[in-house]
Amino acid sequence: MTGLFDDLDRLDLDGHVRRWSEPAMERADGSVNAWIAAAQQFAARVQQDPDRVTDEQWQAVERAWTALLAAAERATAPQGNEWLLRDLWLRSWLLQRLGPREGGLPLLDPGPVLDRALDAMPMSPEEAASRAPRWRALDRPRILSLRRIRQLLAPVRPLAALLADHPRWGEFEDWERVADALP
């Protein structure tokens, strides 16, 4: 798509929603840096004044944000969970700022933050616990896997009060017991 990444800093929230909701997004390409810039600009607009966003706008923002991240991943690959982590951090920030909302507003639902973080864990808590104390002796890919666990736990931690009754909260607590030993 020609011009997909032009004037990102000049778009308001509605402009970002329109741009990233276009049907042509499924064929979009671009460099990792261009997609990172797009995600940063969109997130910045969402965070600018989230209190004024209506429920209807949140639904449109959710669809556009999800489409942007999916297109970025299709165009550039997962990039070490870059797109997932951006999503988790934005959702976590919004939930800390606005709290959860009922009524089909997934961007303001803490459950997916926990579920997606746990689903992306590169190994079991038991495997991480056995590797963590000797992480300096491991090869680089295994060290990065242990590091990824710490990165995935971080956006969930501030949501603990909102997630205490979630069916998978016990899994998160298992990971938290391992976290201090991770690189």
N, C-alpha and C. Protein backbone atom coordinates (compact mmCIF):
# COMPACT_ATOMS: atom_id res chain seq x y z
N MET A 1 0.84 -1.18 0.00
CA MET A 1 0.00 0.00 0.00
C MET A 1 0.89 1.24 0.00
N THR A 2 0.72 2.05 -0.98
CA THR A 2 1.48 3.29 -1.07
C THR A 2 1.01 4.27 -0.01
N GLY A 3 1.95 4.87 0.67
CA GLY A 3 1.62 5.89 1.66
C GLY A 3 1.13 5.37 2.99
N LEU A 4 1.19 4.08 3.21
CA LEU A 4 0.67 3.51 4.45
C LEU A 4 1.31 4.12 5.69
N PHE A 5 2.59 4.41 5.60
CA PHE A 5 3.31 4.91 6.77
C PHE A 5 3.56 6.41 6.73
N ASP A 6 2.98 7.09 5.76
CA ASP A 6 3.14 8.54 5.64
C ASP A 6 2.33 9.28 6.71
N ASP A 7 2.91 10.32 7.25
CA ASP A 7 2.22 11.25 8.15
C ASP A 7 1.58 10.59 9.38
N LEU A 8 2.20 9.54 9.89
CA LEU A 8 1.65 8.87 11.06
C LEU A 8 1.52 9.82 12.25
N ASP A 9 2.47 10.71 12.38
CA ASP A 9 2.46 11.63 13.51
C ASP A 9 1.38 12.71 13.38
N ARG A 10 0.80 12.84 12.22
CA ARG A 10 -0.24 13.86 12.02
C ARG A 10 -1.65 13.31 12.16
N LEU A 11 -1.77 11.99 12.23
CA LEU A 11 -3.09 11.39 12.34
C LEU A 11 -3.63 11.50 13.76
N ASP A 12 -4.92 11.79 13.89
CA ASP A 12 -5.56 11.72 15.20
C ASP A 12 -6.01 10.27 15.41
N LEU A 13 -6.65 9.99 16.52
CA LEU A 13 -7.05 8.62 16.81
C LEU A 13 -7.98 8.08 15.73
N ASP A 14 -8.95 8.87 15.32
CA ASP A 14 -9.87 8.41 14.26
C ASP A 14 -9.13 8.16 12.96
N GLY A 15 -8.13 8.99 12.65
CA GLY A 15 -7.32 8.79 11.45
C GLY A 15 -6.56 7.48 11.50
N HIS A 16 -6.00 7.14 12.65
CA HIS A 16 -5.32 5.86 12.80
C HIS A 16 -6.31 4.71 12.66
N VAL A 17 -7.46 4.84 13.27
CA VAL A 17 -8.47 3.78 13.18
C VAL A 17 -8.85 3.56 11.72
N ARG A 18 -9.08 4.64 10.98
CA ARG A 18 -9.44 4.48 9.56
C ARG A 18 -8.30 3.83 8.78
N ARG A 19 -7.07 4.29 9.00
CA ARG A 19 -5.94 3.77 8.23
C ARG A 19 -5.75 2.28 8.48
N TRP A 20 -5.79 1.86 9.72
CA TRP A 20 -5.48 0.46 10.03
C TRP A 20 -6.69 -0.45 9.92
N SER A 21 -7.85 0.10 9.62
CA SER A 21 -9.04 -0.71 9.41
C SER A 21 -9.30 -1.02 7.94
N GLU A 22 -8.51 -0.46 7.06
CA GLU A 22 -8.73 -0.65 5.62
C GLU A 22 -8.58 -2.12 5.24
N PRO A 23 -9.43 -2.60 4.33
CA PRO A 23 -9.33 -3.99 3.89
C PRO A 23 -7.98 -4.34 3.27
N ALA A 24 -7.30 -3.37 2.69
CA ALA A 24 -6.01 -3.63 2.05
C ALA A 24 -4.92 -3.98 3.06
N MET A 25 -5.20 -3.83 4.34
CA MET A 25 -4.20 -4.15 5.37
C MET A 25 -3.73 -5.59 5.29
N GLU A 26 -4.57 -6.47 4.78
CA GLU A 26 -4.19 -7.88 4.70
C GLU A 26 -3.06 -8.10 3.71
N ARG A 27 -2.82 -7.15 2.82
CA ARG A 27 -1.74 -7.27 1.83
C ARG A 27 -0.59 -6.31 2.11
N ALA A 28 -0.66 -5.60 3.20
CA ALA A 28 0.33 -4.56 3.49
C ALA A 28 1.69 -5.17 3.79
N ASP A 29 2.72 -4.44 3.40
CA ASP A 29 4.08 -4.85 3.75
C ASP A 29 4.80 -3.63 4.29
N GLY A 30 6.05 -3.78 4.60
CA GLY A 30 6.83 -2.68 5.14
C GLY A 30 7.93 -3.22 6.04
N SER A 31 8.85 -2.35 6.39
CA SER A 31 9.97 -2.76 7.23
C SER A 31 9.53 -2.86 8.69
N VAL A 32 10.31 -3.54 9.48
CA VAL A 32 10.04 -3.64 10.91
C VAL A 32 9.96 -2.25 11.52
N ASN A 33 10.90 -1.38 11.16
CA ASN A 33 10.91 -0.04 11.73
C ASN A 33 9.65 0.75 11.38
N ALA A 34 9.15 0.58 10.17
CA ALA A 34 7.92 1.28 9.78
C ALA A 34 6.74 0.78 10.61
N TRP A 35 6.66 -0.52 10.81
CA TRP A 35 5.55 -1.07 11.59
C TRP A 35 5.67 -0.67 13.06
N ILE A 36 6.89 -0.65 13.59
CA ILE A 36 7.08 -0.19 14.97
C ILE A 36 6.62 1.26 15.11
N ALA A 37 6.99 2.09 14.16
CA ALA A 37 6.56 3.49 14.19
C ALA A 37 5.03 3.59 14.14
N ALA A 38 4.42 2.79 13.29
CA ALA A 38 2.96 2.81 13.19
C ALA A 38 2.31 2.40 14.51
N ALA A 39 2.82 1.33 15.13
CA ALA A 39 2.27 0.87 16.41
C ALA A 39 2.49 1.93 17.50
N GLN A 40 3.67 2.54 17.51
CA GLN A 40 3.94 3.56 18.53
C GLN A 40 3.03 4.77 18.37
N GLN A 41 2.83 5.21 17.15
CA GLN A 41 1.98 6.38 16.92
C GLN A 41 0.52 6.08 17.28
N PHE A 42 0.05 4.90 16.89
CA PHE A 42 -1.33 4.53 17.21
C PHE A 42 -1.50 4.45 18.72
N ALA A 43 -0.59 3.75 19.40
CA ALA A 43 -0.68 3.62 20.86
C ALA A 43 -0.63 4.99 21.52
N ALA A 44 0.22 5.88 21.02
CA ALA A 44 0.31 7.23 21.59
C ALA A 44 -1.02 7.95 21.48
N ARG A 45 -1.70 7.80 20.36
CA ARG A 45 -3.01 8.47 20.19
C ARG A 45 -4.04 7.86 21.13
N VAL A 46 -4.01 6.54 21.30
CA VAL A 46 -4.94 5.89 22.23
C VAL A 46 -4.69 6.38 23.65
N GLN A 47 -3.43 6.54 24.01
CA GLN A 47 -3.08 6.94 25.37
C GLN A 47 -3.23 8.44 25.62
N GLN A 48 -3.40 9.20 24.58
CA GLN A 48 -3.46 10.65 24.70
C GLN A 48 -4.61 11.11 25.60
N ASP A 49 -5.79 10.59 25.39
CA ASP A 49 -6.95 10.99 26.19
C ASP A 49 -7.98 9.86 26.20
N PRO A 50 -7.64 8.74 26.83
CA PRO A 50 -8.53 7.58 26.77
C PRO A 50 -9.86 7.78 27.49
N ASP A 51 -9.92 8.73 28.41
CA ASP A 51 -11.16 8.96 29.15
C ASP A 51 -12.29 9.47 28.25
N ARG A 52 -11.93 10.09 27.14
CA ARG A 52 -12.95 10.66 26.24
C ARG A 52 -13.40 9.69 25.14
N VAL A 53 -12.81 8.53 25.08
CA VAL A 53 -13.17 7.56 24.03
C VAL A 53 -14.46 6.86 24.43
N THR A 54 -15.42 6.85 23.52
CA THR A 54 -16.71 6.21 23.78
C THR A 54 -16.60 4.69 23.59
N ASP A 55 -17.59 3.97 24.08
CA ASP A 55 -17.60 2.52 23.90
C ASP A 55 -17.58 2.14 22.42
N GLU A 56 -18.31 2.87 21.61
CA GLU A 56 -18.32 2.61 20.17
C GLU A 56 -16.93 2.83 19.57
N GLN A 57 -16.27 3.89 19.99
CA GLN A 57 -14.91 4.15 19.51
C GLN A 57 -13.95 3.07 19.99
N TRP A 58 -14.12 2.59 21.23
CA TRP A 58 -13.24 1.52 21.73
C TRP A 58 -13.34 0.28 20.85
N GLN A 59 -14.54 -0.03 20.40
CA GLN A 59 -14.70 -1.20 19.52
C GLN A 59 -13.94 -1.00 18.22
N ALA A 60 -14.01 0.19 17.64
CA ALA A 60 -13.29 0.49 16.40
C ALA A 60 -11.78 0.50 16.64
N VAL A 61 -11.36 1.06 17.77
CA VAL A 61 -9.94 1.08 18.12
C VAL A 61 -9.42 -0.35 18.26
N GLU A 62 -10.19 -1.19 18.94
CA GLU A 62 -9.79 -2.59 19.12
C GLU A 62 -9.58 -3.29 17.77
N ARG A 63 -10.54 -3.13 16.87
CA ARG A 63 -10.42 -3.77 15.55
C ARG A 63 -9.21 -3.25 14.79
N ALA A 64 -9.01 -1.95 14.80
CA ALA A 64 -7.88 -1.36 14.06
C ALA A 64 -6.55 -1.74 14.68
N TRP A 65 -6.45 -1.71 16.01
CA TRP A 65 -5.21 -2.08 16.71
C TRP A 65 -4.85 -3.53 16.41
N THR A 66 -5.84 -4.39 16.49
CA THR A 66 -5.62 -5.82 16.21
C THR A 66 -5.20 -6.01 14.76
N ALA A 67 -5.84 -5.29 13.84
CA ALA A 67 -5.49 -5.39 12.41
C ALA A 67 -4.07 -4.89 12.16
N LEU A 68 -3.69 -3.79 12.80
CA LEU A 68 -2.35 -3.25 12.63
C LEU A 68 -1.31 -4.27 13.09
N LEU A 69 -1.50 -4.83 14.27
CA LEU A 69 -0.53 -5.79 14.80
C LEU A 69 -0.48 -7.08 13.97
N ALA A 70 -1.62 -7.53 13.49
CA ALA A 70 -1.66 -8.72 12.64
C ALA A 70 -0.93 -8.45 11.32
N ALA A 71 -1.17 -7.29 10.73
CA ALA A 71 -0.48 -6.94 9.48
C ALA A 71 1.02 -6.81 9.71
N ALA A 72 1.41 -6.23 10.83
CA ALA A 72 2.84 -6.10 11.15
C ALA A 72 3.48 -7.47 11.26
N GLU A 73 2.81 -8.38 11.92
CA GLU A 73 3.36 -9.73 12.07
C GLU A 73 3.41 -10.47 10.74
N ARG A 74 2.39 -10.31 9.92
CA ARG A 74 2.42 -10.95 8.60
C ARG A 74 3.57 -10.40 7.76
N ALA A 75 3.79 -9.11 7.84
CA ALA A 75 4.81 -8.46 7.01
C ALA A 75 6.23 -8.69 7.52
N THR A 76 6.39 -8.87 8.83
CA THR A 76 7.74 -8.90 9.39
C THR A 76 8.06 -10.11 10.25
N ALA A 77 7.10 -10.99 10.51
CA ALA A 77 7.22 -12.14 11.41
C ALA A 77 7.06 -11.66 12.85
N PRO A 78 7.03 -12.58 13.81
CA PRO A 78 6.76 -12.18 15.20
C PRO A 78 7.81 -11.27 15.85
N GLN A 79 9.02 -11.26 15.34
CA GLN A 79 10.06 -10.36 15.86
C GLN A 79 10.26 -10.54 17.37
N GLY A 80 10.39 -11.79 17.81
CA GLY A 80 10.65 -12.03 19.22
C GLY A 80 9.53 -11.56 20.13
N ASN A 81 8.31 -11.72 19.68
CA ASN A 81 7.11 -11.32 20.42
C ASN A 81 6.91 -9.81 20.48
N GLU A 82 7.55 -9.08 19.59
CA GLU A 82 7.41 -7.61 19.56
C GLU A 82 5.95 -7.18 19.52
N TRP A 83 5.17 -7.79 18.64
CA TRP A 83 3.78 -7.34 18.44
C TRP A 83 2.91 -7.78 19.61
N LEU A 84 3.15 -8.97 20.10
CA LEU A 84 2.40 -9.44 21.27
C LEU A 84 2.69 -8.55 22.48
N LEU A 85 3.94 -8.26 22.73
CA LEU A 85 4.29 -7.44 23.89
C LEU A 85 3.73 -6.02 23.77
N ARG A 86 3.74 -5.45 22.58
CA ARG A 86 3.13 -4.12 22.40
C ARG A 86 1.65 -4.17 22.75
N ASP A 87 0.99 -5.23 22.31
CA ASP A 87 -0.43 -5.38 22.60
C ASP A 87 -0.67 -5.53 24.10
N LEU A 88 0.10 -6.40 24.74
CA LEU A 88 -0.09 -6.63 26.17
C LEU A 88 0.17 -5.36 26.98
N TRP A 89 1.21 -4.62 26.62
CA TRP A 89 1.53 -3.40 27.36
C TRP A 89 0.46 -2.32 27.18
N LEU A 90 -0.06 -2.16 25.96
CA LEU A 90 -1.11 -1.16 25.76
C LEU A 90 -2.36 -1.54 26.55
N ARG A 91 -2.75 -2.79 26.46
CA ARG A 91 -3.93 -3.24 27.20
C ARG A 91 -3.73 -3.06 28.71
N SER A 92 -2.56 -3.43 29.20
CA SER A 92 -2.26 -3.29 30.62
C SER A 92 -2.34 -1.82 31.05
N TRP A 93 -1.75 -0.94 30.26
CA TRP A 93 -1.79 0.48 30.59
C TRP A 93 -3.22 0.99 30.63
N LEU A 94 -4.01 0.62 29.62
CA LEU A 94 -5.40 1.08 29.57
C LEU A 94 -6.20 0.56 30.77
N LEU A 95 -5.98 -0.68 31.13
CA LEU A 95 -6.69 -1.26 32.26
C LEU A 95 -6.29 -0.59 33.58
N GLN A 96 -5.03 -0.25 33.70
CA GLN A 96 -4.58 0.47 34.90
C GLN A 96 -5.20 1.86 34.96
N ARG A 97 -5.33 2.48 33.82
CA ARG A 97 -5.85 3.85 33.75
C ARG A 97 -7.37 3.92 33.84
N LEU A 98 -8.05 3.02 33.10
CA LEU A 98 -9.51 3.10 32.98
C LEU A 98 -10.25 2.01 33.74
N GLY A 99 -9.57 0.92 34.03
CA GLY A 99 -10.25 -0.21 34.64
C GLY A 99 -10.96 -1.03 33.57
N PRO A 100 -11.41 -2.21 33.94
CA PRO A 100 -12.10 -3.07 32.96
C PRO A 100 -13.50 -2.54 32.66
N ARG A 101 -13.99 -2.94 31.49
CA ARG A 101 -15.35 -2.57 31.10
C ARG A 101 -16.06 -3.81 30.58
N GLU A 102 -17.29 -3.93 30.94
CA GLU A 102 -18.13 -5.01 30.45
C GLU A 102 -18.70 -4.62 29.09
N GLY A 103 -19.34 -5.55 28.44
CA GLY A 103 -20.09 -5.22 27.23
C GLY A 103 -19.30 -5.30 25.94
N GLY A 104 -18.47 -6.29 25.80
CA GLY A 104 -17.81 -6.50 24.51
C GLY A 104 -16.70 -5.52 24.19
N LEU A 105 -15.96 -5.07 25.17
CA LEU A 105 -14.81 -4.20 24.93
C LEU A 105 -13.53 -4.96 25.28
N PRO A 106 -13.09 -5.82 24.36
CA PRO A 106 -11.94 -6.68 24.68
C PRO A 106 -10.66 -5.93 25.01
N LEU A 107 -10.49 -4.73 24.48
CA LEU A 107 -9.30 -3.97 24.78
C LEU A 107 -9.25 -3.59 26.26
N LEU A 108 -10.40 -3.58 26.91
CA LEU A 108 -10.50 -3.23 28.32
C LEU A 108 -10.94 -4.43 29.17
N ASP A 109 -10.48 -5.61 28.78
CA ASP A 109 -10.75 -6.85 29.50
C ASP A 109 -9.40 -7.42 29.94
N PRO A 110 -9.18 -7.60 31.23
CA PRO A 110 -7.87 -8.09 31.69
C PRO A 110 -7.61 -9.56 31.36
N GLY A 111 -8.65 -10.35 31.17
CA GLY A 111 -8.47 -11.78 30.91
C GLY A 111 -7.54 -12.09 29.75
N PRO A 112 -7.73 -11.47 28.59
CA PRO A 112 -6.85 -11.77 27.46
C PRO A 112 -5.38 -11.40 27.71
N VAL A 113 -5.11 -10.43 28.55
CA VAL A 113 -3.72 -10.09 28.85
C VAL A 113 -3.07 -11.29 29.53
N LEU A 114 -3.73 -11.83 30.52
CA LEU A 114 -3.20 -13.00 31.23
C LEU A 114 -3.14 -14.21 30.31
N ASP A 115 -4.22 -14.50 29.62
CA ASP A 115 -4.26 -15.69 28.76
C ASP A 115 -3.19 -15.65 27.68
N ARG A 116 -3.06 -14.53 27.01
CA ARG A 116 -2.09 -14.45 25.92
C ARG A 116 -0.65 -14.51 26.42
N ALA A 117 -0.40 -13.90 27.58
CA ALA A 117 0.95 -13.98 28.16
C ALA A 117 1.28 -15.43 28.52
N LEU A 118 0.36 -16.10 29.17
CA LEU A 118 0.61 -17.50 29.56
C LEU A 118 0.73 -18.41 28.34
N ASP A 119 -0.09 -18.17 27.34
CA ASP A 119 -0.04 -19.00 26.13
C ASP A 119 1.27 -18.84 25.37
N ALA A 120 1.94 -17.72 25.53
CA ALA A 120 3.18 -17.46 24.80
C ALA A 120 4.44 -17.93 25.54
N MET A 121 4.26 -18.46 26.73
CA MET A 121 5.44 -18.91 27.49
C MET A 121 6.19 -19.98 26.70
N PRO A 122 7.51 -19.82 26.60
CA PRO A 122 8.29 -20.72 25.75
C PRO A 122 8.61 -22.07 26.37
N MET A 123 8.26 -22.27 27.63
CA MET A 123 8.53 -23.54 28.31
C MET A 123 7.63 -23.62 29.53
N SER A 124 7.68 -24.72 30.23
CA SER A 124 6.88 -24.89 31.43
C SER A 124 7.56 -24.20 32.62
N PRO A 125 6.81 -23.90 33.67
CA PRO A 125 7.44 -23.31 34.86
C PRO A 125 8.51 -24.23 35.47
N GLU A 126 8.27 -25.52 35.39
CA GLU A 126 9.23 -26.48 35.94
C GLU A 126 10.54 -26.45 35.15
N GLU A 127 10.44 -26.39 33.84
CA GLU A 127 11.64 -26.31 33.01
C GLU A 127 12.38 -25.00 33.26
N ALA A 128 11.64 -23.92 33.38
CA ALA A 128 12.27 -22.62 33.66
C ALA A 128 12.95 -22.65 35.03
N ALA A 129 12.30 -23.25 36.01
CA ALA A 129 12.88 -23.32 37.36
C ALA A 129 14.17 -24.13 37.36
N SER A 130 14.24 -25.16 36.53
CA SER A 130 15.48 -25.96 36.50
C SER A 130 16.60 -25.25 35.74
N ARG A 131 16.27 -24.43 34.76
CA ARG A 131 17.29 -23.72 33.97
C ARG A 131 17.73 -22.40 34.59
N ALA A 132 16.82 -21.74 35.27
CA ALA A 132 17.09 -20.38 35.75
C ALA A 132 18.34 -20.26 36.63
N PRO A 133 18.56 -21.15 37.60
CA PRO A 133 19.74 -20.96 38.46
C PRO A 133 21.08 -21.04 37.71
N ARG A 134 21.07 -21.71 36.58
CA ARG A 134 22.32 -21.86 35.82
C ARG A 134 22.24 -21.17 34.46
N TRP A 135 21.48 -20.10 34.39
CA TRP A 135 21.23 -19.46 33.10
C TRP A 135 22.50 -18.96 32.44
N ARG A 136 23.51 -18.58 33.20
CA ARG A 136 24.75 -18.07 32.60
C ARG A 136 25.51 -19.14 31.81
N ALA A 137 25.24 -20.39 32.11
CA ALA A 137 25.92 -21.49 31.43
C ALA A 137 25.16 -21.95 30.18
N LEU A 138 23.99 -21.40 29.94
CA LEU A 138 23.16 -21.82 28.81
C LEU A 138 23.58 -21.11 27.52
N ASP A 139 23.16 -21.70 26.39
CA ASP A 139 23.41 -21.04 25.12
C ASP A 139 22.44 -19.86 24.96
N ARG A 140 22.75 -18.98 24.03
CA ARG A 140 22.00 -17.74 23.84
C ARG A 140 20.50 -17.96 23.62
N PRO A 141 20.07 -18.89 22.76
CA PRO A 141 18.62 -19.07 22.57
C PRO A 141 17.89 -19.45 23.85
N ARG A 142 18.51 -20.26 24.69
CA ARG A 142 17.85 -20.65 25.95
C ARG A 142 17.81 -19.48 26.93
N ILE A 143 18.86 -18.67 26.94
CA ILE A 143 18.86 -17.47 27.80
C ILE A 143 17.75 -16.53 27.35
N LEU A 144 17.61 -16.35 26.04
CA LEU A 144 16.56 -15.46 25.52
C LEU A 144 15.17 -16.00 25.84
N SER A 145 15.01 -17.31 25.83
CA SER A 145 13.72 -17.90 26.20
C SER A 145 13.38 -17.59 27.66
N LEU A 146 14.38 -17.69 28.52
CA LEU A 146 14.15 -17.36 29.93
C LEU A 146 13.85 -15.87 30.09
N ARG A 147 14.52 -15.05 29.33
CA ARG A 147 14.29 -13.60 29.37
C ARG A 147 12.88 -13.27 28.88
N ARG A 148 12.42 -14.00 27.87
CA ARG A 148 11.08 -13.77 27.33
C ARG A 148 10.01 -14.02 28.40
N ILE A 149 10.24 -14.97 29.27
CA ILE A 149 9.29 -15.24 30.35
C ILE A 149 9.13 -13.99 31.21
N ARG A 150 10.23 -13.41 31.60
CA ARG A 150 10.19 -12.19 32.41
C ARG A 150 9.43 -11.08 31.67
N GLN A 151 9.68 -10.95 30.37
CA GLN A 151 9.00 -9.92 29.58
C GLN A 151 7.50 -10.15 29.52
N LEU A 152 7.09 -11.40 29.43
CA LEU A 152 5.66 -11.73 29.34
C LEU A 152 4.94 -11.54 30.68
N LEU A 153 5.65 -11.72 31.77
CA LEU A 153 5.04 -11.54 33.08
C LEU A 153 4.81 -10.06 33.42
N ALA A 154 5.69 -9.21 32.94
CA ALA A 154 5.68 -7.80 33.34
C ALA A 154 4.35 -7.07 33.10
N PRO A 155 3.70 -7.17 31.93
CA PRO A 155 2.45 -6.42 31.77
C PRO A 155 1.28 -6.99 32.57
N VAL A 156 1.42 -8.21 33.04
CA VAL A 156 0.34 -8.84 33.81
C VAL A 156 0.40 -8.41 35.28
N ARG A 157 1.59 -8.23 35.82
CA ARG A 157 1.76 -7.92 37.25
C ARG A 157 0.88 -6.77 37.74
N PRO A 158 0.83 -5.63 37.04
CA PRO A 158 0.03 -4.51 37.55
C PRO A 158 -1.48 -4.80 37.56
N LEU A 159 -1.88 -5.88 36.92
CA LEU A 159 -3.30 -6.21 36.84
C LEU A 159 -3.72 -7.27 37.86
N ALA A 160 -2.84 -7.58 38.80
CA ALA A 160 -3.09 -8.65 39.77
C ALA A 160 -4.45 -8.52 40.45
N ALA A 161 -4.80 -7.35 40.90
CA ALA A 161 -6.09 -7.17 41.60
C ALA A 161 -7.27 -7.47 40.69
N LEU A 162 -7.11 -7.21 39.40
CA LEU A 162 -8.20 -7.45 38.45
C LEU A 162 -8.29 -8.92 38.03
N LEU A 163 -7.22 -9.66 38.23
CA LEU A 163 -7.15 -11.03 37.73
C LEU A 163 -7.16 -12.10 38.81
N ALA A 164 -7.25 -11.73 40.05
CA ALA A 164 -7.16 -12.69 41.16
C ALA A 164 -8.18 -13.81 41.07
N ASP A 165 -9.33 -13.55 40.47
CA ASP A 165 -10.37 -14.58 40.34
C ASP A 165 -10.35 -15.29 38.99
N HIS A 166 -9.41 -14.94 38.13
CA HIS A 166 -9.32 -15.56 36.81
C HIS A 166 -8.94 -17.04 36.98
N PRO A 167 -9.55 -17.93 36.18
CA PRO A 167 -9.26 -19.36 36.32
C PRO A 167 -7.78 -19.74 36.13
N ARG A 168 -7.03 -18.91 35.45
CA ARG A 168 -5.62 -19.24 35.19
C ARG A 168 -4.66 -18.48 36.10
N TRP A 169 -5.19 -17.78 37.11
CA TRP A 169 -4.32 -17.00 37.98
C TRP A 169 -3.27 -17.87 38.68
N GLY A 170 -3.62 -19.08 39.03
CA GLY A 170 -2.68 -20.00 39.66
C GLY A 170 -1.46 -20.27 38.78
N GLU A 171 -1.68 -20.35 37.48
CA GLU A 171 -0.57 -20.53 36.54
C GLU A 171 0.38 -19.34 36.59
N PHE A 172 -0.20 -18.16 36.65
CA PHE A 172 0.63 -16.95 36.75
C PHE A 172 1.46 -16.98 38.03
N GLU A 173 0.83 -17.38 39.13
CA GLU A 173 1.55 -17.46 40.40
C GLU A 173 2.70 -18.47 40.33
N ASP A 174 2.49 -19.56 39.60
CA ASP A 174 3.58 -20.53 39.40
C ASP A 174 4.76 -19.85 38.71
N TRP A 175 4.48 -19.04 37.71
CA TRP A 175 5.53 -18.33 36.99
C TRP A 175 6.19 -17.29 37.89
N GLU A 176 5.43 -16.62 38.71
CA GLU A 176 5.99 -15.60 39.60
C GLU A 176 7.00 -16.19 40.57
N ARG A 177 6.78 -17.44 40.99
CA ARG A 177 7.73 -18.08 41.90
C ARG A 177 9.10 -18.31 41.23
N VAL A 178 9.10 -18.40 39.92
CA VAL A 178 10.34 -18.63 39.16
C VAL A 178 10.98 -17.31 38.77
N ALA A 179 10.21 -16.25 38.70
CA ALA A 179 10.64 -14.98 38.07
C ALA A 179 11.92 -14.39 38.65
N ASP A 180 12.11 -14.43 39.94
CA ASP A 180 13.29 -13.79 40.52
C ASP A 180 14.60 -14.42 40.08
N ALA A 181 14.56 -15.67 39.70
CA ALA A 181 15.79 -16.35 39.28
C ALA A 181 16.08 -16.17 37.79
N LEU A 182 15.14 -15.57 37.06
CA LEU A 182 15.31 -15.42 35.61
C LEU A 182 16.29 -14.31 35.27
N PRO A 183 16.97 -14.45 34.12
CA PRO A 183 17.91 -13.38 33.71
C PRO A 183 17.19 -12.10 33.34
